[in-house]
C-alpha atoms as a PDB file:
ATOM      1  CA  MET A   1     120.715 106.558  78.021  1.00  0.00           C
ATOM      2  CA  PRO A   2     119.161 103.038  78.009  1.00  0.00           C
ATOM      3  CA  THR A   3     119.621 101.051  74.819  1.00  0.00           C
ATOM      4  CA  GLU A   4     117.166  98.885  72.863  1.00  0.00           C
ATOM      5  CA  LEU A   5     118.472  95.902  74.792  1.00  0.00           C
ATOM      6  CA  HIS A   6     117.594  97.612  78.087  1.00  0.00           C
ATOM      7  CA  GLU A   7     114.130  98.389  76.700  1.00  0.00           C
ATOM      8  CA  SER A   8     113.710  94.735  75.665  1.00  0.00           C
ATOM      9  CA  LEU A   9     113.344  93.895  79.364  1.00  0.00           C
ATOM     10  CA  ARG A  10     110.233  96.071  79.824  1.00  0.00           C
ATOM     11  CA  PRO A  11     107.695  93.401  78.768  1.00  0.00           C
ATOM     12  CA  LEU A  12     108.672  91.493  81.932  1.00  0.00           C
ATOM     13  CA  GLU A  13     107.536  94.404  84.144  1.00  0.00           C
ATOM     14  CA  GLY A  14     104.712  93.725  86.536  1.00  0.00           C
ATOM     15  CA  ASP A  15     103.430  91.004  88.826  1.00  0.00           C
ATOM     16  CA  TRP A  16     103.071  87.394  87.707  1.00  0.00           C
ATOM     17  CA  ILE A  17     101.559  84.450  89.610  1.00  0.00           C
ATOM     18  CA  GLY A  18     101.261  80.795  88.700  1.00  0.00           C
ATOM     19  CA  GLU A  19     101.847  77.151  89.372  1.00  0.00           C
ATOM     20  CA  GLY A  20     104.483  74.686  88.380  1.00  0.00           C
ATOM     21  CA  GLU A  21     106.622  71.757  89.353  1.00  0.00           C
ATOM     22  CA  VAL A  22     110.022  71.456  90.987  1.00  0.00           C
ATOM     23  CA  PHE A  23     111.687  68.213  89.984  1.00  0.00           C
ATOM     24  CA  PRO A  24     114.121  66.151  92.115  1.00  0.00           C
ATOM     25  CA  ASN A  25     117.284  68.196  92.590  1.00  0.00           C
ATOM     26  CA  PRO A  26     120.207  68.518  95.017  1.00  0.00           C
ATOM     27  CA  TRP A  27     118.959  71.705  96.730  1.00  0.00           C
ATOM     28  CA  GLY A  28     115.433  71.228  98.044  1.00  0.00           C
ATOM     29  CA  PRO A  29     112.216  69.226  97.982  1.00  0.00           C
ATOM     30  CA  SER A  30     110.439  68.464  94.722  1.00  0.00           C
ATOM     31  CA  GLY A  31     106.737  68.735  94.029  1.00  0.00           C
ATOM     32  CA  PRO A  32     104.046  71.137  92.895  1.00  0.00           C
ATOM     33  CA  THR A  33     104.666  74.791  93.547  1.00  0.00           C
ATOM     34  CA  GLN A  34     102.865  78.099  93.645  1.00  0.00           C
ATOM     35  CA  CYS A  35     105.103  80.949  92.548  1.00  0.00           C
ATOM     36  CA  ALA A  36     105.216  84.666  91.919  1.00  0.00           C
ATOM     37  CA  TRP A  37     107.557  87.053  90.105  1.00  0.00           C
ATOM     38  CA  LYS A  38     107.606  90.821  90.575  1.00  0.00           C
ATOM     39  CA  PHE A  39     109.655  92.740  88.005  1.00  0.00           C
ATOM     40  CA  ARG A  40     110.209  96.495  87.955  1.00  0.00           C
ATOM     41  CA  MET A  41     112.514  98.707  85.936  1.00  0.00           C
ATOM     42  CA  ALA A  42     114.792 100.897  88.052  1.00  0.00           C
ATOM     43  CA  HIS A  43     114.170 104.617  87.713  1.00  0.00           C
ATOM     44  CA  SER A  44     117.151 105.078  85.410  1.00  0.00           C
ATOM     45  CA  GLY A  45     115.890 102.440  82.969  1.00  0.00           C
ATOM     46  CA  PHE A  46     119.220 100.618  83.069  1.00  0.00           C
ATOM     47  CA  HIS A  47     118.320  97.749  85.429  1.00  0.00           C
ATOM     48  CA  MET A  48     115.372  95.410  85.950  1.00  0.00           C
ATOM     49  CA  ILE A  49     114.930  94.530  89.619  1.00  0.00           C
ATOM     50  CA  HIS A  50     112.975  91.442  90.621  1.00  0.00           C
ATOM     51  CA  ASP A  51     111.698  89.342  93.478  1.00  0.00           C
ATOM     52  CA  TYR A  52     110.712  85.689  93.176  1.00  0.00           C
ATOM     53  CA  ARG A  53     108.776  83.621  95.710  1.00  0.00           C
ATOM     54  CA  GLU A  54     107.856  79.947  95.635  1.00  0.00           C
ATOM     55  CA  VAL A  55     105.932  77.770  98.078  1.00  0.00           C
ATOM     56  CA  ARG A  56     106.061  73.961  98.009  1.00  0.00           C
ATOM     57  CA  ASP A  57     103.912  71.635 100.115  1.00  0.00           C
ATOM     58  CA  GLY A  58     102.293  74.678 101.697  1.00  0.00           C
ATOM     59  CA  SER A  59     105.327  75.228 103.918  1.00  0.00           C
ATOM     60  CA  PHE A  60     108.711  75.102 102.127  1.00  0.00           C
ATOM     61  CA  ARG A  61     109.537  78.574 100.891  1.00  0.00           C
ATOM     62  CA  PHE A  62     112.190  79.645  98.433  1.00  0.00           C
ATOM     63  CA  GLU A  63     112.904  83.279  97.646  1.00  0.00           C
ATOM     64  CA  ALA A  64     115.265  85.032  95.280  1.00  0.00           C
ATOM     65  CA  HIS A  65     116.065  88.632  94.463  1.00  0.00           C
ATOM     66  CA  GLY A  66     117.900  89.813  91.420  1.00  0.00           C
ATOM     67  CA  VAL A  67     119.068  92.490  89.080  1.00  0.00           C
ATOM     68  CA  ILE A  68     118.977  92.089  85.316  1.00  0.00           C
ATOM     69  CA  SER A  69     121.097  94.495  83.310  1.00  0.00           C
ATOM     70  CA  VAL A  70     122.956  94.838  80.031  1.00  0.00           C
ATOM     71  CA  ASP A  71     126.605  94.542  79.083  1.00  0.00           C
ATOM     72  CA  THR A  72     126.678  96.949  76.154  1.00  0.00           C
ATOM     73  CA  SER A  73     130.234  95.894  75.222  1.00  0.00           C
ATOM     74  CA  THR A  74     129.021  92.361  74.393  1.00  0.00           C
ATOM     75  CA  ALA A  75     125.332  93.134  73.715  1.00  0.00           C
ATOM     76  CA  SER A  76     124.360  90.535  76.282  1.00  0.00           C
ATOM     77  CA  ILE A  77     121.924  90.544  79.172  1.00  0.00           C
ATOM     78  CA  LEU A  78     123.368  89.955  82.660  1.00  0.00           C
ATOM     79  CA  TRP A  79     121.561  88.469  85.657  1.00  0.00           C
ATOM     80  CA  PHE A  80     122.762  88.714  89.245  1.00  0.00           C
ATOM     81  CA  LEU A  81     120.645  86.449  91.479  1.00  0.00           C
ATOM     82  CA  PHE A  82     120.685  86.193  95.262  1.00  0.00           C
ATOM     83  CA  ASP A  83     118.640  83.282  96.597  1.00  0.00           C
ATOM     84  CA  ASP A  84     117.865  81.319  99.750  1.00  0.00           C
ATOM     85  CA  TYR A  85     120.298  78.555  98.789  1.00  0.00           C
ATOM     86  CA  GLY A  86     123.075  81.006  99.579  1.00  0.00           C
ATOM     87  CA  PHE A  87     125.418  80.677  96.605  1.00  0.00           C
ATOM     88  CA  PRO A  88     126.591  84.272  95.960  1.00  0.00           C
ATOM     89  CA  PRO A  89     126.678  85.432  92.337  1.00  0.00           C
ATOM     90  CA  VAL A  90     130.420  85.794  91.854  1.00  0.00           C
ATOM     91  CA  ASP A  91     129.725  86.187  88.136  1.00  0.00           C
ATOM     92  CA  PRO A  92     126.371  86.892  86.520  1.00  0.00           C
ATOM     93  CA  ALA A  93     124.410  84.598  84.271  1.00  0.00           C
ATOM     94  CA  ARG A  94     124.639  85.854  80.675  1.00  0.00           C
ATOM     95  CA  GLY A  95     122.421  85.545  77.660  1.00  0.00           C
ATOM     96  CA  GLY A  96     119.852  87.216  75.504  1.00  0.00           C
ATOM     97  CA  TRP A  97     116.499  87.040  73.755  1.00  0.00           C
ATOM     98  CA  ASN A  98     115.671  84.402  71.149  1.00  0.00           C
ATOM     99  CA  ASP A  99     112.117  84.155  69.737  1.00  0.00           C
ATOM    100  CA  GLY A 100     110.457  85.710  72.813  1.00  0.00           C
ATOM    101  CA  ARG A 101     112.553  83.691  75.266  1.00  0.00           C
ATOM    102  CA  LEU A 102     115.182  85.236  77.515  1.00  0.00           C
ATOM    103  CA  GLU A 103     117.833  82.585  78.096  1.00  0.00           C
ATOM    104  CA  LEU A 104     120.463  83.155  80.801  1.00  0.00           C
ATOM    105  CA  VAL A 105     123.330  80.718  81.402  1.00  0.00           C
ATOM    106  CA  LYS A 106     125.786  80.576  84.289  1.00  0.00           C
ATOM    107  CA  SER A 107     128.739  78.255  84.788  1.00  0.00           C
ATOM    108  CA  THR A 108     130.101  77.582  88.285  1.00  0.00           C
ATOM    109  CA  PRO A 109     132.194  74.808  89.866  1.00  0.00           C
ATOM    110  CA  ARG A 110     128.823  73.153  90.730  1.00  0.00           C
ATOM    111  CA  GLY A 111     127.845  72.957  87.034  1.00  0.00           C
ATOM    112  CA  VAL A 112     125.982  74.916  84.387  1.00  0.00           C
ATOM    113  CA  GLY A 113     122.596  76.434  85.134  1.00  0.00           C
ATOM    114  CA  ARG A 114     120.230  77.745  82.483  1.00  0.00           C
ATOM    115  CA  THR A 115     117.151  79.844  83.198  1.00  0.00           C
ATOM    116  CA  GLN A 116     114.596  80.644  80.539  1.00  0.00           C
ATOM    117  CA  LEU A 117     111.827  83.234  80.761  1.00  0.00           C
ATOM    118  CA  GLU A 118     109.476  82.823  77.808  1.00  0.00           C
ATOM    119  CA  LEU A 119     106.908  85.535  77.203  1.00  0.00           C
ATOM    120  CA  ASN A 120     103.702  84.717  75.368  1.00  0.00           C
ATOM    121  CA  GLU A 121     100.666  86.946  74.927  1.00  0.00           C
ATOM    122  CA  HIS A 122      99.308  86.383  78.458  1.00  0.00           C
ATOM    123  CA  THR A 123     101.806  84.049  80.122  1.00  0.00           C
ATOM    124  CA  LEU A 124     105.355  83.801  81.367  1.00  0.00           C
ATOM    125  CA  VAL A 125     106.898  80.327  81.283  1.00  0.00           C
ATOM    126  CA  TYR A 126     109.818  79.957  83.690  1.00  0.00           C
ATOM    127  CA  THR A 127     112.169  76.992  83.214  1.00  0.00           C
ATOM    128  CA  VAL A 128     115.389  76.094  85.022  1.00  0.00           C
ATOM    129  CA  ASP A 129     117.747  73.302  84.070  1.00  0.00           C
ATOM    130  CA  PHE A 130     121.121  72.283  85.405  1.00  0.00           C
ATOM    131  CA  THR A 131     124.029  70.231  84.089  1.00  0.00           C
ATOM    132  CA  PRO A 132     126.319  68.924  86.855  1.00  0.00           C
ATOM    133  CA  PRO A 133     130.029  68.459  86.142  1.00  0.00           C
ATOM    134  CA  GLY A 134     130.635  65.344  84.075  1.00  0.00           C
ATOM    135  CA  ALA A 135     127.005  64.993  82.948  1.00  0.00           C
ATOM    136  CA  ASP A 136     126.134  64.845  79.261  1.00  0.00           C
ATOM    137  CA  GLU A 137     122.560  66.094  79.520  1.00  0.00           C
ATOM    138  CA  PRO A 138     120.910  68.809  81.609  1.00  0.00           C
ATOM    139  CA  MET A 139     118.289  67.925  84.204  1.00  0.00           C
ATOM    140  CA  VAL A 140     115.160  70.030  84.408  1.00  0.00           C
ATOM    141  CA  VAL A 141     114.960  71.526  87.908  1.00  0.00           C
ATOM    142  CA  ALA A 142     111.744  73.553  87.662  1.00  0.00           C
ATOM    143  CA  LYS A 143     109.064  74.646  85.235  1.00  0.00           C
ATOM    144  CA  SER A 144     106.206  77.043  85.945  1.00  0.00           C
ATOM    145  CA  THR A 145     103.571  78.885  83.967  1.00  0.00           C
ATOM    146  CA  LEU A 146     102.518  82.265  85.295  1.00  0.00           C
ATOM    147  CA  ARG A 147      99.949  84.886  84.315  1.00  0.00           C
ATOM    148  CA  ARG A 148     100.138  88.642  84.713  1.00  0.00           C
ATOM    149  CA  VAL A 149      98.009  90.070  87.544  1.00  0.00           C
END
């Protein structure tokens, strides 16, 4: 049976659209972006499935698909993300909720990535930052504000 932590993902359910900015980064072009998230809870209630789409400069497209679940042994939220950049999720990002913000962190040989999904009354703020090996401070990669449709 799904736990409270599984149920905590339900406010993400639905379709979200918005605009944002992708900042200079090692993976793709920077600039303004139009983006969309689609979240749905799997029938069992144990997993949140999502699709993400982003368009930059009217032509560059980036897509990602993921599964968000729960590790009940550690009371943490897990995120497996498959994206167009092609780095397979050997291990999931891990994290949890803090003041209405789901924060998920993943460490790889390329560095540490942190994704935040902050829910407000009518908006979802999506932020990604990255700390390369040897760096002291993270660099913001993307930030978008979306509204439920």
